[in-house]
């Protein structure tokens, strides 16, 4: 996984190798952003599921 901080630097060109030909994608479309955002927005719920199972 790539760093969501480095991917968020101004002027960064993000290329996706998923779903066929290499293509540009937005910061918000990256797995790094989505996983980090999900954790920040649902930290207690995610930790509860991870630690209680």
N, C-alpha and C. Protein backbone atom coordinates (compact mmCIF):
# COMPACT_ATOMS: atom_id res chain seq x y z
N UNK A 1 0.85 -1.17 0.00
CA UNK A 1 0.00 0.00 0.00
C UNK A 1 0.90 1.23 0.00
N UNK A 2 0.47 2.25 -0.71
CA UNK A 2 1.21 3.50 -0.79
C UNK A 2 0.80 4.43 0.34
N UNK A 3 1.64 5.41 0.59
CA UNK A 3 1.38 6.38 1.65
C UNK A 3 0.30 7.37 1.22
N UNK A 4 -0.79 7.50 1.99
CA UNK A 4 -1.82 8.48 1.64
C UNK A 4 -1.30 9.91 1.76
N UNK A 5 -0.26 10.12 2.56
CA UNK A 5 0.31 11.46 2.70
C UNK A 5 1.10 11.81 1.44
N UNK A 6 1.95 10.92 0.97
CA UNK A 6 2.72 11.19 -0.24
C UNK A 6 1.83 11.32 -1.46
N UNK A 7 0.79 10.47 -1.54
CA UNK A 7 -0.13 10.56 -2.67
C UNK A 7 -0.89 11.88 -2.68
N UNK A 8 -1.05 12.50 -1.51
CA UNK A 8 -1.80 13.74 -1.40
C UNK A 8 -1.00 15.01 -1.65
N UNK A 9 0.28 14.88 -1.95
CA UNK A 9 1.08 16.07 -2.21
C UNK A 9 0.58 16.79 -3.46
N UNK A 10 0.58 18.12 -3.43
CA UNK A 10 0.12 18.89 -4.60
C UNK A 10 0.94 18.53 -5.85
N UNK A 11 0.26 18.40 -6.95
CA UNK A 11 0.91 18.12 -8.23
C UNK A 11 1.27 16.67 -8.47
N UNK A 12 0.93 15.80 -7.53
CA UNK A 12 1.24 14.39 -7.68
C UNK A 12 0.38 13.77 -8.78
N UNK A 13 1.03 13.04 -9.68
CA UNK A 13 0.29 12.30 -10.70
C UNK A 13 0.14 10.87 -10.20
N UNK A 14 -1.09 10.43 -10.06
CA UNK A 14 -1.36 9.09 -9.54
C UNK A 14 -1.84 8.22 -10.70
N UNK A 15 -1.15 7.12 -10.90
CA UNK A 15 -1.51 6.19 -11.95
C UNK A 15 -1.99 4.88 -11.34
N UNK A 16 -3.06 4.36 -11.88
CA UNK A 16 -3.61 3.10 -11.42
C UNK A 16 -3.24 1.99 -12.41
N UNK A 17 -2.81 0.88 -11.87
CA UNK A 17 -2.49 -0.30 -12.69
C UNK A 17 -3.62 -1.33 -12.62
N UNK A 18 -4.71 -0.96 -11.94
CA UNK A 18 -5.86 -1.85 -11.80
C UNK A 18 -6.84 -1.67 -12.95
N UNK A 19 -7.66 -2.65 -13.18
CA UNK A 19 -8.76 -2.56 -14.14
C UNK A 19 -8.31 -2.26 -15.56
N UNK A 20 -7.38 -3.05 -16.08
CA UNK A 20 -6.98 -2.89 -17.47
C UNK A 20 -5.79 -1.99 -17.67
N UNK A 21 -5.84 -1.14 -18.70
CA UNK A 21 -4.69 -0.29 -19.02
C UNK A 21 -4.36 0.69 -17.88
N UNK A 22 -3.08 1.06 -17.79
CA UNK A 22 -2.66 2.05 -16.81
C UNK A 22 -3.40 3.35 -17.10
N UNK A 23 -3.95 3.97 -16.04
CA UNK A 23 -4.72 5.20 -16.22
C UNK A 23 -4.59 6.09 -14.99
N UNK A 24 -4.74 7.40 -15.17
CA UNK A 24 -4.69 8.30 -14.03
C UNK A 24 -5.92 8.13 -13.15
N UNK A 25 -5.77 8.38 -11.87
CA UNK A 25 -6.91 8.34 -10.96
C UNK A 25 -6.77 9.48 -9.95
N UNK A 26 -7.85 9.76 -9.28
CA UNK A 26 -7.84 10.83 -8.28
C UNK A 26 -7.33 10.29 -6.96
N UNK A 27 -6.93 11.19 -6.12
CA UNK A 27 -6.46 10.84 -4.77
C UNK A 27 -7.51 10.04 -4.02
N UNK A 28 -8.75 10.48 -4.11
CA UNK A 28 -9.85 9.82 -3.40
C UNK A 28 -10.15 8.42 -3.91
N UNK A 29 -9.70 8.09 -5.11
CA UNK A 29 -9.94 6.76 -5.68
C UNK A 29 -8.89 5.73 -5.24
N UNK A 30 -7.82 6.18 -4.59
CA UNK A 30 -6.76 5.24 -4.20
C UNK A 30 -7.18 4.41 -3.00
N UNK A 31 -6.68 3.19 -2.94
CA UNK A 31 -6.95 2.32 -1.80
C UNK A 31 -6.40 2.94 -0.52
N UNK A 32 -5.23 3.56 -0.62
CA UNK A 32 -4.62 4.18 0.56
C UNK A 32 -5.54 5.22 1.18
N UNK A 33 -6.11 6.06 0.35
CA UNK A 33 -7.02 7.09 0.85
C UNK A 33 -8.28 6.45 1.45
N UNK A 34 -8.85 5.50 0.74
CA UNK A 34 -10.11 4.90 1.17
C UNK A 34 -9.96 4.15 2.49
N UNK A 35 -8.87 3.39 2.65
CA UNK A 35 -8.65 2.65 3.89
C UNK A 35 -8.39 3.61 5.05
N UNK A 36 -7.56 4.62 4.82
CA UNK A 36 -7.26 5.59 5.87
C UNK A 36 -8.51 6.36 6.26
N UNK A 37 -9.27 6.79 5.29
CA UNK A 37 -10.50 7.53 5.56
C UNK A 37 -11.50 6.67 6.33
N UNK A 38 -11.64 5.42 5.92
CA UNK A 38 -12.56 4.52 6.60
C UNK A 38 -12.15 4.34 8.06
N UNK A 39 -10.84 4.18 8.31
CA UNK A 39 -10.38 4.01 9.68
C UNK A 39 -10.61 5.27 10.51
N UNK A 40 -10.27 6.42 9.97
CA UNK A 40 -10.44 7.68 10.70
C UNK A 40 -11.92 7.92 11.03
N UNK A 41 -12.78 7.65 10.09
CA UNK A 41 -14.21 7.92 10.29
C UNK A 41 -14.95 6.87 11.10
N UNK A 42 -14.34 5.69 11.27
CA UNK A 42 -15.00 4.59 11.99
C UNK A 42 -14.03 3.88 12.93
N UNK A 43 -13.11 4.62 13.50
CA UNK A 43 -12.02 4.03 14.29
C UNK A 43 -12.53 3.09 15.39
N UNK A 44 -13.43 3.56 16.22
CA UNK A 44 -13.87 2.73 17.34
C UNK A 44 -14.57 1.46 16.88
N UNK A 45 -15.40 1.58 15.88
CA UNK A 45 -16.13 0.42 15.35
C UNK A 45 -15.15 -0.59 14.74
N UNK A 46 -14.17 -0.13 13.99
CA UNK A 46 -13.21 -1.03 13.36
C UNK A 46 -12.33 -1.70 14.42
N UNK A 47 -11.84 -0.92 15.38
CA UNK A 47 -11.03 -1.50 16.45
C UNK A 47 -11.82 -2.52 17.26
N UNK A 48 -13.06 -2.22 17.52
CA UNK A 48 -13.91 -3.16 18.25
C UNK A 48 -14.02 -4.49 17.50
N UNK A 49 -14.25 -4.41 16.21
CA UNK A 49 -14.36 -5.65 15.41
C UNK A 49 -13.04 -6.40 15.34
N UNK A 50 -11.93 -5.67 15.20
CA UNK A 50 -10.64 -6.33 15.09
C UNK A 50 -10.18 -6.95 16.41
N UNK A 51 -10.44 -6.27 17.50
CA UNK A 51 -9.91 -6.71 18.78
C UNK A 51 -10.82 -7.68 19.52
N UNK A 52 -12.10 -7.69 19.18
CA UNK A 52 -13.03 -8.56 19.88
C UNK A 52 -13.27 -9.89 19.17
N UNK A 53 -12.75 -10.06 18.00
CA UNK A 53 -12.98 -11.32 17.28
C UNK A 53 -11.88 -12.30 17.51
